[in-house]
Amino acid sequence: MPRHIPQKTSLELQPHQVIIKPLVTEKGMHKSTRNNAYAFEVNRLATKADVRKAVEELFEVRVLKVHTQNRQGKLRRTRARMGRTADWKKAIVTLDPEHRINFF
């Protein structure tokens, strides 16, 4: 079954439009303490450069690396019907050792 892939656009995303939410999980907290890497759910149209710029602007930190993943939605059942969660994009951002982001 073909999946919908967003097309490249000339649309300029603002920093608050790029980052949807931080992913606060056990694995993510482990990465943040060990590797100084933080995970975010980002807009599917955002590029690595957009993510880097948004994190640096919103959190006032220096970004070393950005890794992105296109995550496929999962099949979910609601009563007698099968549904599907939306596809989403994940970004793992590695920061300079002297910078940190505190979510709590």
PDB file of N, CA and C in Angstrom:
ATOM      1  N   MET A   1       0.837  -1.165   0.000  1.00  0.00           N
ATOM      2  CA  MET A   1       0.000   0.000   0.000  1.00  0.00           C
ATOM      3  C   MET A   1       0.892   1.241   0.000  1.00  0.00           C
ATOM      4  N   PRO A   2       0.758   2.123  -1.000  1.00  0.00           N
ATOM      5  CA  PRO A   2       1.614   3.318  -1.050  1.00  0.00           C
ATOM      6  C   PRO A   2       1.256   4.299   0.062  1.00  0.00           C
ATOM      7  N   ARG A   3       2.262   4.868   0.656  1.00  0.00           N
ATOM      8  CA  ARG A   3       2.087   5.841   1.737  1.00  0.00           C
ATOM      9  C   ARG A   3       2.195   7.242   1.154  1.00  0.00           C
ATOM     10  N   HIS A   4       1.516   8.179   1.767  1.00  0.00           N
ATOM     11  CA  HIS A   4       1.600   9.567   1.323  1.00  0.00           C
ATOM     12  C   HIS A   4       2.913  10.157   1.815  1.00  0.00           C
ATOM     13  N   ILE A   5       3.709  10.667   0.891  1.00  0.00           N
ATOM     14  CA  ILE A   5       4.976  11.305   1.236  1.00  0.00           C
ATOM     15  C   ILE A   5       4.832  12.792   0.969  1.00  0.00           C
ATOM     16  N   PRO A   6       5.103  13.641   1.978  1.00  0.00           N
ATOM     17  CA  PRO A   6       4.943  15.081   1.746  1.00  0.00           C
ATOM     18  C   PRO A   6       5.905  15.581   0.685  1.00  0.00           C
ATOM     19  N   GLN A   7       5.411  16.465  -0.151  1.00  0.00           N
ATOM     20  CA  GLN A   7       6.217  17.025  -1.224  1.00  0.00           C
ATOM     21  C   GLN A   7       7.072  18.171  -0.690  1.00  0.00           C
ATOM     22  N   LYS A   8       8.225  18.387  -1.308  1.00  0.00           N
ATOM     23  CA  LYS A   8       9.077  19.518  -0.951  1.00  0.00           C
ATOM     24  C   LYS A   8       8.377  20.797  -1.372  1.00  0.00           C
ATOM     25  N   THR A   9       8.367  21.771  -0.488  1.00  0.00           N
ATOM     26  CA  THR A   9       7.713  23.036  -0.796  1.00  0.00           C
ATOM     27  C   THR A   9       8.665  24.184  -0.507  1.00  0.00           C
ATOM     28  N   SER A  10       8.308  25.326  -0.991  1.00  0.00           N
ATOM     29  CA  SER A  10       9.092  26.522  -0.706  1.00  0.00           C
ATOM     30  C   SER A  10       8.549  27.221   0.537  1.00  0.00           C
ATOM     31  N   LEU A  11       7.687  26.535   1.272  1.00  0.00           N
ATOM     32  CA  LEU A  11       7.082  27.085   2.480  1.00  0.00           C
ATOM     33  C   LEU A  11       8.137  27.272   3.554  1.00  0.00           C
ATOM     34  N   GLU A  12       8.180  28.448   4.140  1.00  0.00           N
ATOM     35  CA  GLU A  12       9.149  28.762   5.199  1.00  0.00           C
ATOM     36  C   GLU A  12       8.475  28.528   6.540  1.00  0.00           C
ATOM     37  N   LEU A  13       8.939  27.525   7.289  1.00  0.00           N
ATOM     38  CA  LEU A  13       8.364  27.210   8.594  1.00  0.00           C
ATOM     39  C   LEU A  13       9.035  28.052   9.680  1.00  0.00           C
ATOM     40  N   GLN A  14       8.228  28.569  10.585  1.00  0.00           N
ATOM     41  CA  GLN A  14       8.740  29.303  11.734  1.00  0.00           C
ATOM     42  C   GLN A  14       9.200  28.290  12.791  1.00  0.00           C
ATOM     43  N   PRO A  15      10.126  28.673  13.685  1.00  0.00           N
ATOM     44  CA  PRO A  15      10.630  27.721  14.690  1.00  0.00           C
ATOM     45  C   PRO A  15       9.545  27.060  15.538  1.00  0.00           C
ATOM     46  N   HIS A  16       8.516  27.812  15.902  1.00  0.00           N
ATOM     47  CA  HIS A  16       7.452  27.219  16.720  1.00  0.00           C
ATOM     48  C   HIS A  16       6.551  26.278  15.901  1.00  0.00           C
ATOM     49  N   GLN A  17       6.642  26.334  14.571  1.00  0.00           N
ATOM     50  CA  GLN A  17       5.887  25.419  13.724  1.00  0.00           C
ATOM     51  C   GLN A  17       6.676  24.140  13.446  1.00  0.00           C
ATOM     52  N   VAL A  18       7.993  24.196  13.562  1.00  0.00           N
ATOM     53  CA  VAL A  18       8.844  23.043  13.262  1.00  0.00           C
ATOM     54  C   VAL A  18       8.738  22.013  14.373  1.00  0.00           C
ATOM     55  N   ILE A  19       8.933  22.433  15.625  1.00  0.00           N
ATOM     56  CA  ILE A  19       8.923  21.503  16.750  1.00  0.00           C
ATOM     57  C   ILE A  19       7.505  21.397  17.288  1.00  0.00           C
ATOM     58  N   ILE A  20       6.963  20.180  17.248  1.00  0.00           N
ATOM     59  CA  ILE A  20       5.607  19.958  17.734  1.00  0.00           C
ATOM     60  C   ILE A  20       5.624  19.704  19.238  1.00  0.00           C
ATOM     61  N   LYS A  21       6.480  18.763  19.680  1.00  0.00           N
ATOM     62  CA  LYS A  21       6.589  18.501  21.119  1.00  0.00           C
ATOM     63  C   LYS A  21       7.863  17.713  21.392  1.00  0.00           C
ATOM     64  N   PRO A  22       8.393  17.840  22.607  1.00  0.00           N
ATOM     65  CA  PRO A  22       9.531  16.996  22.982  1.00  0.00           C
ATOM     66  C   PRO A  22       9.025  15.596  23.323  1.00  0.00           C
ATOM     67  N   LEU A  23       9.832  14.586  23.034  1.00  0.00           N
ATOM     68  CA  LEU A  23       9.465  13.215  23.369  1.00  0.00           C
ATOM     69  C   LEU A  23      10.158  12.850  24.679  1.00  0.00           C
ATOM     70  N   VAL A  24       9.396  12.840  25.747  1.00  0.00           N
ATOM     71  CA  VAL A  24       9.939  12.547  27.075  1.00  0.00           C
ATOM     72  C   VAL A  24       9.615  11.091  27.394  1.00  0.00           C
ATOM     73  N   THR A  25      10.601  10.215  27.155  1.00  0.00           N
ATOM     74  CA  THR A  25      10.449   8.787  27.417  1.00  0.00           C
ATOM     75  C   THR A  25      11.645   8.315  28.233  1.00  0.00           C
ATOM     76  N   GLU A  26      11.578   7.085  28.720  1.00  0.00           N
ATOM     77  CA  GLU A  26      12.716   6.544  29.468  1.00  0.00           C
ATOM     78  C   GLU A  26      13.967   6.500  28.597  1.00  0.00           C
ATOM     79  N   LYS A  27      13.792   6.015  27.384  1.00  0.00           N
ATOM     80  CA  LYS A  27      14.926   5.919  26.460  1.00  0.00           C
ATOM     81  C   LYS A  27      15.466   7.311  26.131  1.00  0.00           C
ATOM     82  N   GLY A  28      14.569   8.264  25.940  1.00  0.00           N
ATOM     83  CA  GLY A  28      14.979   9.624  25.639  1.00  0.00           C
ATOM     84  C   GLY A  28      15.718  10.278  26.797  1.00  0.00           C
ATOM     85  N   MET A  29      15.259  10.034  28.014  1.00  0.00           N
ATOM     86  CA  MET A  29      15.930  10.604  29.184  1.00  0.00           C
ATOM     87  C   MET A  29      17.318   9.978  29.361  1.00  0.00           C
ATOM     88  N   HIS A  30      17.439   8.693  29.056  1.00  0.00           N
ATOM     89  CA  HIS A  30      18.741   8.022  29.124  1.00  0.00           C
ATOM     90  C   HIS A  30      19.712   8.653  28.117  1.00  0.00           C
ATOM     91  N   LYS A  31      19.227   8.889  26.882  1.00  0.00           N
ATOM     92  CA  LYS A  31      20.069   9.522  25.856  1.00  0.00           C
ATOM     93  C   LYS A  31      20.461  10.941  26.242  1.00  0.00           C
ATOM     94  N   SER A  32      19.557  11.648  26.900  1.00  0.00           N
ATOM     95  CA  SER A  32      19.857  13.036  27.256  1.00  0.00           C
ATOM     96  C   SER A  32      20.925  13.102  28.345  1.00  0.00           C
ATOM     97  N   THR A  33      20.916  12.164  29.283  1.00  0.00           N
ATOM     98  CA  THR A  33      21.926  12.200  30.340  1.00  0.00           C
ATOM     99  C   THR A  33      23.260  11.644  29.862  1.00  0.00           C
ATOM    100  N   ARG A  34      23.229  10.601  29.034  1.00  0.00           N
ATOM    101  CA  ARG A  34      24.468   9.977  28.557  1.00  0.00           C
ATOM    102  C   ARG A  34      25.112  10.722  27.390  1.00  0.00           C
ATOM    103  N   ASN A  35      24.310  11.007  26.361  1.00  0.00           N
ATOM    104  CA  ASN A  35      24.849  11.537  25.094  1.00  0.00           C
ATOM    105  C   ASN A  35      24.501  12.992  24.830  1.00  0.00           C
ATOM    106  N   ASN A  36      23.755  13.617  25.734  1.00  0.00           N
ATOM    107  CA  ASN A  36      23.300  14.992  25.541  1.00  0.00           C
ATOM    108  C   ASN A  36      22.501  15.109  24.237  1.00  0.00           C
ATOM    109  N   ALA A  37      21.641  14.091  23.982  1.00  0.00           N
ATOM    110  CA  ALA A  37      20.806  14.058  22.785  1.00  0.00           C
ATOM    111  C   ALA A  37      19.339  14.078  23.205  1.00  0.00           C
ATOM    112  N   TYR A  38      18.548  14.883  22.529  1.00  0.00           N
ATOM    113  CA  TYR A  38      17.144  15.063  22.880  1.00  0.00           C
ATOM    114  C   TYR A  38      16.276  14.732  21.677  1.00  0.00           C
ATOM    115  N   ALA A  39      15.103  14.123  21.930  1.00  0.00           N
ATOM    116  CA  ALA A  39      14.201  13.720  20.855  1.00  0.00           C
ATOM    117  C   ALA A  39      12.991  14.646  20.812  1.00  0.00           C
ATOM    118  N   PHE A  40      12.563  14.979  19.602  1.00  0.00           N
ATOM    119  CA  PHE A  40      11.406  15.850  19.393  1.00  0.00           C
ATOM    120  C   PHE A  40      10.539  15.267  18.291  1.00  0.00           C
ATOM    121  N   GLU A  41       9.232  15.491  18.396  1.00  0.00           N
ATOM    122  CA  GLU A  41       8.349  15.243  17.267  1.00  0.00           C
ATOM    123  C   GLU A  41       8.339  16.542  16.478  1.00  0.00           C
ATOM    124  N   VAL A  42       8.609  16.450  15.170  1.00  0.00           N
ATOM    125  CA  VAL A  42       8.713  17.649  14.344  1.00  0.00           C
ATOM    126  C   VAL A  42       7.743  17.587  13.175  1.00  0.00           C
ATOM    127  N   ASN A  43       7.536  18.722  12.548  1.00  0.00           N
ATOM    128  CA  ASN A  43       6.684  18.828  11.371  1.00  0.00           C
ATOM    129  C   ASN A  43       7.245  17.947  10.260  1.00  0.00           C
ATOM    130  N   ARG A  44       6.381  17.246   9.544  1.00  0.00           N
ATOM    131  CA  ARG A  44       6.840  16.325   8.505  1.00  0.00           C
ATOM    132  C   ARG A  44       7.503  17.036   7.331  1.00  0.00           C
ATOM    133  N   LEU A  45       7.247  18.323   7.160  1.00  0.00           N
ATOM    134  CA  LEU A  45       7.871  19.080   6.072  1.00  0.00           C
ATOM    135  C   LEU A  45       9.218  19.661   6.467  1.00  0.00           C
ATOM    136  N   ALA A  46       9.582  19.580   7.746  1.00  0.00           N
ATOM    137  CA  ALA A  46      10.812  20.197   8.234  1.00  0.00           C
ATOM    138  C   ALA A  46      12.039  19.403   7.801  1.00  0.00           C
ATOM    139  N   THR A  47      13.101  20.116   7.440  1.00  0.00           N
ATOM    140  CA  THR A  47      14.378  19.491   7.092  1.00  0.00           C
ATOM    141  C   THR A  47      15.287  19.513   8.318  1.00  0.00           C
ATOM    142  N   LYS A  48      16.452  18.868   8.211  1.00  0.00           N
ATOM    143  CA  LYS A  48      17.418  18.878   9.306  1.00  0.00           C
ATOM    144  C   LYS A  48      17.857  20.303   9.625  1.00  0.00           C
ATOM    145  N   ALA A  49      18.044  21.112   8.607  1.00  0.00           N
ATOM    146  CA  ALA A  49      18.451  22.508   8.814  1.00  0.00           C
ATOM    147  C   ALA A  49      17.362  23.287   9.548  1.00  0.00           C
ATOM    148  N   ASP A  50      16.096  23.027   9.212  1.00  0.00           N
ATOM    149  CA  ASP A  50      14.982  23.688   9.906  1.00  0.00           C
ATOM    150  C   ASP A  50      14.960  23.303  11.380  1.00  0.00           C
ATOM    151  N   VAL A  51      15.179  22.015  11.658  1.00  0.00           N
ATOM    152  CA  VAL A  51      15.156  21.527  13.038  1.00  0.00           C
ATOM    153  C   VAL A  51      16.301  22.156  13.830  1.00  0.00           C
ATOM    154  N   ARG A  52      17.499  22.184  13.246  1.00  0.00           N
ATOM    155  CA  ARG A  52      18.666  22.785  13.906  1.00  0.00           C
ATOM    156  C   ARG A  52      18.386  24.247  14.269  1.00  0.00           C
ATOM    157  N   LYS A  53      17.871  24.996  13.307  1.00  0.00           N
ATOM    158  CA  LYS A  53      17.599  26.422  13.514  1.00  0.00           C
ATOM    159  C   LYS A  53      16.535  26.624  14.596  1.00  0.00           C
ATOM    160  N   ALA A  54      15.486  25.797  14.569  1.00  0.00           N
ATOM    161  CA  ALA A  54      14.391  25.931  15.534  1.00  0.00           C
ATOM    162  C   ALA A  54      14.854  25.623  16.955  1.00  0.00           C
ATOM    163  N   VAL A  55      15.627  24.553  17.142  1.00  0.00           N
ATOM    164  CA  VAL A  55      16.102  24.191  18.485  1.00  0.00           C
ATOM    165  C   VAL A  55      17.050  25.261  19.010  1.00  0.00           C
ATOM    166  N   GLU A  56      17.952  25.743  18.164  1.00  0.00           N
ATOM    167  CA  GLU A  56      18.893  26.780  18.603  1.00  0.00           C
ATOM    168  C   GLU A  56      18.159  28.061  18.993  1.00  0.00           C
ATOM    169  N   GLU A  57      17.102  28.416  18.242  1.00  0.00           N
ATOM    170  CA  GLU A  57      16.364  29.639  18.534  1.00  0.00           C
ATOM    171  C   GLU A  57      15.480  29.501  19.768  1.00  0.00           C
ATOM    172  N   LEU A  58      14.740  28.396  19.858  1.00  0.00           N
ATOM    173  CA  LEU A  58      13.771  28.246  20.945  1.00  0.00           C
ATOM    174  C   LEU A  58      14.425  27.949  22.297  1.00  0.00           C
ATOM    175  N   PHE A  59      15.484  27.153  22.308  1.00  0.00           N
ATOM    176  CA  PHE A  59      16.093  26.743  23.573  1.00  0.00           C
ATOM    177  C   PHE A  59      17.424  27.442  23.863  1.00  0.00           C
ATOM    178  N   GLU A  60      17.900  28.268  22.932  1.00  0.00           N
ATOM    179  CA  GLU A  60      19.150  29.013  23.085  1.00  0.00           C
ATOM    180  C   GLU A  60      20.324  28.097  23.434  1.00  0.00           C
ATOM    181  N   VAL A  61      20.528  27.075  22.594  1.00  0.00           N
ATOM    182  CA  VAL A  61      21.615  26.106  22.741  1.00  0.00           C
ATOM    183  C   VAL A  61      22.348  25.981  21.414  1.00  0.00           C
ATOM    184  N   ARG A  62      23.487  25.269  21.422  1.00  0.00           N
ATOM    185  CA  ARG A  62      24.248  25.022  20.193  1.00  0.00           C
ATOM    186  C   ARG A  62      24.084  23.559  19.802  1.00  0.00           C
ATOM    187  N   VAL A  63      23.629  23.299  18.579  1.00  0.00           N
ATOM    188  CA  VAL A  63      23.354  21.953  18.092  1.00  0.00           C
ATOM    189  C   VAL A  63      24.562  21.440  17.318  1.00  0.00           C
ATOM    190  N   LEU A  64      24.986  20.202  17.625  1.00  0.00           N
ATOM    191  CA  LEU A  64      26.077  19.573  16.881  1.00  0.00           C
ATOM    192  C   LEU A  64      25.558  18.727  15.724  1.00  0.00           C
ATOM    193  N   LYS A  65      24.567  17.853  16.004  1.00  0.00           N
ATOM    194  CA  LYS A  65      24.049  16.930  14.982  1.00  0.00           C
ATOM    195  C   LYS A  65      22.536  16.843  15.071  1.00  0.00           C
ATOM    196  N   VAL A  66      21.927  16.536  13.927  1.00  0.00           N
ATOM    197  CA  VAL A  66      20.489  16.276  13.868  1.00  0.00           C
ATOM    198  C   VAL A  66      20.278  15.008  13.061  1.00  0.00           C
ATOM    199  N   HIS A  67      19.569  14.050  13.652  1.00  0.00           N
ATOM    200  CA  HIS A  67      19.169  12.832  12.946  1.00  0.00           C
ATOM    201  C   HIS A  67      17.650  12.847  12.857  1.00  0.00           C
ATOM    202  N   THR A  68      17.103  12.500  11.698  1.00  0.00           N
ATOM    203  CA  THR A  68      15.647  12.473  11.545  1.00  0.00           C
ATOM    204  C   THR A  68      15.183  11.082  11.146  1.00  0.00           C
ATOM    205  N   GLN A  69      13.951  10.773  11.534  1.00  0.00           N
ATOM    206  CA  GLN A  69      13.331   9.494  11.190  1.00  0.00           C
ATOM    207  C   GLN A  69      11.887   9.764  10.788  1.00  0.00           C
ATOM    208  N   ASN A  70      11.451   9.167   9.693  1.00  0.00           N
ATOM    209  CA  ASN A  70      10.042   9.206   9.326  1.00  0.00           C
ATOM    210  C   ASN A  70       9.398   7.969   9.917  1.00  0.00           C
ATOM    211  N   ARG A  71       8.508   8.167  10.886  1.00  0.00           N
ATOM    212  CA  ARG A  71       7.895   7.061  11.598  1.00  0.00           C
ATOM    213  C   ARG A  71       6.530   6.764  10.994  1.00  0.00           C
ATOM    214  N   GLN A  72       6.255   5.488  10.778  1.00  0.00           N
ATOM    215  CA  GLN A  72       4.997   5.077  10.190  1.00  0.00           C
ATOM    216  C   GLN A  72       3.938   4.922  11.280  1.00  0.00           C
ATOM    217  N   GLY A  73       2.708   5.316  10.973  1.00  0.00           N
ATOM    218  CA  GLY A  73       1.608   5.166  11.917  1.00  0.00           C
ATOM    219  C   GLY A  73       1.305   3.698  12.163  1.00  0.00           C
ATOM    220  N   LYS A  74       0.681   3.412  13.294  1.00  0.00           N
ATOM    221  CA  LYS A  74       0.377   2.030  13.668  1.00  0.00           C
ATOM    222  C   LYS A  74      -1.108   1.736  13.472  1.00  0.00           C
ATOM    223  N   LEU A  75      -1.409   0.470  13.254  1.00  0.00           N
ATOM    224  CA  LEU A  75      -2.798   0.042  13.202  1.00  0.00           C
ATOM    225  C   LEU A  75      -3.328  -0.023  14.621  1.00  0.00           C
ATOM    226  N   ARG A  76      -4.503   0.540  14.839  1.00  0.00           N
ATOM    227  CA  ARG A  76      -5.141   0.527  16.151  1.00  0.00           C
ATOM    228  C   ARG A  76      -6.594   0.100  15.982  1.00  0.00           C
ATOM    229  N   ARG A  77      -7.114  -0.600  16.981  1.00  0.00           N
ATOM    230  CA  ARG A  77      -8.493  -1.039  16.914  1.00  0.00           C
ATOM    231  C   ARG A  77      -9.336  -0.227  17.884  1.00  0.00           C
ATOM    232  N   THR A  78     -10.466   0.268  17.399  1.00  0.00           N
ATOM    233  CA  THR A  78     -11.430   0.960  18.235  1.00  0.00           C
ATOM    234  C   THR A  78     -12.752   0.223  18.093  1.00  0.00           C
ATOM    235  N   ARG A  79     -13.166  -0.425  19.132  1.00  0.00           N
ATOM    236  CA  ARG A  79     -14.356  -1.277  19.125  1.00  0.00           C
ATOM    237  C   ARG A  79     -14.229  -2.315  18.016  1.00  0.00           C
ATOM    238  N   ALA A  80     -15.083  -2.261  17.002  1.00  0.00           N
ATOM    239  CA  ALA A  80     -15.050  -3.294  15.968  1.00  0.00           C
ATOM    240  C   ALA A  80     -14.296  -2.841  14.724  1.00  0.00           C
ATOM    241  N   ARG A  81     -13.766  -1.644  14.728  1.00  0.00           N
ATOM    242  CA  ARG A  81     -13.130  -1.108  13.523  1.00  0.00           C
ATOM    243  C   ARG A  81     -11.625  -1.010  13.679  1.00  0.00           C
ATOM    244  N   MET A  82     -10.947  -1.116  12.555  1.00  0.00           N
ATOM    245  CA  MET A  82      -9.504  -0.906  12.538  1.00  0.00           C
ATOM    246  C   MET A  82      -9.244   0.516  12.060  1.00  0.00           C
ATOM    247  N   GLY A  83      -8.359   1.195  12.740  1.00  0.00           N
ATOM    248  CA  GLY A  83      -7.983   2.542  12.358  1.00  0.00           C
ATOM    249  C   GLY A  83      -6.473   2.623  12.257  1.00  0.00           C
ATOM    250  N   ARG A  84      -5.975   3.782  11.954  1.00  0.00           N
ATOM    251  CA  ARG A  84      -4.542   3.957  11.794  1.00  0.00           C
ATOM    252  C   ARG A  84      -4.140   5.294  12.407  1.00  0.00           C
ATOM    253  N   THR A  85      -3.065   5.293  13.203  1.00  0.00           N
ATOM    254  CA  THR A  85      -2.554   6.551  13.722  1.00  0.00           C
ATOM    255  C   THR A  85      -1.780   7.244  12.602  1.00  0.00           C
ATOM    256  N   ALA A  86      -1.586   8.524  12.749  1.00  0.00           N
ATOM    257  CA  ALA A  86      -0.942   9.312  11.698  1.00  0.00           C
ATOM    258  C   ALA A  86       0.557   9.020  11.630  1.00  0.00           C
ATOM    259  N   ASP A  87       1.132   9.142  10.442  1.00  0.00           N
ATOM    260  CA  ASP A  87       2.582   9.084  10.275  1.00  0.00           C
ATOM    261  C   ASP A  87       3.164  10.353  10.889  1.00  0.00           C
ATOM    262  N   TRP A  88       4.410  10.276  11.396  1.00  0.00           N
ATOM    263  CA  TRP A  88       5.022  11.439  12.024  1.00  0.00           C
ATOM    264  C   TRP A  88       6.520  11.400  11.832  1.00  0.00           C
ATOM    265  N   LYS A  89       7.161  12.506  12.146  1.00  0.00           N
ATOM    266  CA  LYS A  89       8.601  12.624  11.964  1.00  0.00           C
ATOM    267  C   LYS A  89       9.256  12.880  13.312  1.00  0.00           C
ATOM    268  N   LYS A  90      10.356  12.179  13.556  1.00  0.00           N
ATOM    269  CA  LYS A  90      11.082  12.281  14.812  1.00  0.00           C
ATOM    270  C   LYS A  90      12.464  12.840  14.521  1.00  0.00           C
ATOM    271  N   ALA A  91      12.932  13.742  15.372  1.00  0.00           N
ATOM    272  CA  ALA A  91      14.278  14.295  15.234  1.00  0.00           C
ATOM    273  C   ALA A  91      15.029  14.077  16.537  1.00  0.00           C
ATOM    274  N   ILE A  92      16.251  13.555  16.435  1.00  0.00           N
ATOM    275  CA  ILE A  92      17.126  13.401  17.590  1.00  0.00           C
ATOM    276  C   ILE A  92      18.242  14.422  17.427  1.00  0.00           C
ATOM    277  N   VAL A  93      18.315  15.350  18.389  1.00  0.00           N
ATOM    278  CA  VAL A  93      19.219  16.488  18.311  1.00  0.00           C
ATOM    279  C   VAL A  93      20.313  16.317  19.356  1.00  0.00           C
ATOM    280  N   THR A  94      21.575  16.308  18.911  1.00  0.00           N
ATOM    281  CA  THR A  94      22.713  16.223  19.820  1.00  0.00           C
ATOM    282  C   THR A  94      23.254  17.632  20.046  1.00  0.00           C
ATOM    283  N   LEU A  95      23.410  17.980  21.322  1.00  0.00           N
ATOM    284  CA  LEU A  95      23.846  19.324  21.680  1.00  0.00           C
ATOM    285  C   LEU A  95      25.325  19.359  22.024  1.00  0.00           C
ATOM    286  N   ASP A  96      25.870  20.574  22.010  1.00  0.00           N
ATOM    287  CA  ASP A  96      27.229  20.833  22.457  1.00  0.00           C
ATOM    288  C   ASP A  96      27.319  20.422  23.939  1.00  0.00           C
ATOM    289  N   PRO A  97      28.458  19.858  24.384  1.00  0.00           N
ATOM    290  CA  PRO A  97      28.563  19.382  25.770  1.00  0.00           C
ATOM    291  C   PRO A  97      28.293  20.438  26.840  1.00  0.00           C
ATOM    292  N   GLU A  98      28.487  21.700  26.534  1.00  0.00           N
ATOM    293  CA  GLU A  98      28.274  22.730  27.557  1.00  0.00           C
ATOM    294  C   GLU A  98      26.833  23.216  27.633  1.00  0.00           C
ATOM    295  N   HIS A  99      25.950  22.722  26.763  1.00  0.00           N
ATOM    296  CA  HIS A  99      24.550  23.134  26.772  1.00  0.00           C
ATOM    297  C   HIS A  99      23.639  21.981  27.209  1.00  0.00           C
ATOM    298  N   ARG A 100      22.521  22.318  27.829  1.00  0.00           N
ATOM    299  CA  ARG A 100      21.524  21.362  28.270  1.00  0.00           C
ATOM    300  C   ARG A 100      20.129  21.950  28.047  1.00  0.00           C
ATOM    301  N   ILE A 101      19.133  21.065  27.921  1.00  0.00           N
ATOM    302  CA  ILE A 101      17.738  21.475  27.870  1.00  0.00           C
ATOM    303  C   ILE A 101      17.056  20.828  29.063  1.00  0.00           C
ATOM    304  N   ASN A 102      16.366  21.623  29.873  1.00  0.00           N
ATOM    305  CA  ASN A 102      15.630  21.102  31.029  1.00  0.00           C
ATOM    306  C   ASN A 102      14.141  21.140  30.716  1.00  0.00           C
ATOM    307  N   PHE A 103      13.514  19.956  30.619  1.00  0.00           N
ATOM    308  CA  PHE A 103      12.078  19.885  30.352  1.00  0.00           C
ATOM    309  C   PHE A 103      11.263  19.987  31.631  1.00  0.00           C
ATOM    310  N   PHE A 104      11.885  19.733  32.775  1.00  0.00           N
ATOM    311  CA  PHE A 104      11.147  19.746  34.050  1.00  0.00           C
ATOM    312  C   PHE A 104      11.619  20.860  34.933  1.00  0.00           C
TER     313      PHE A 104
END
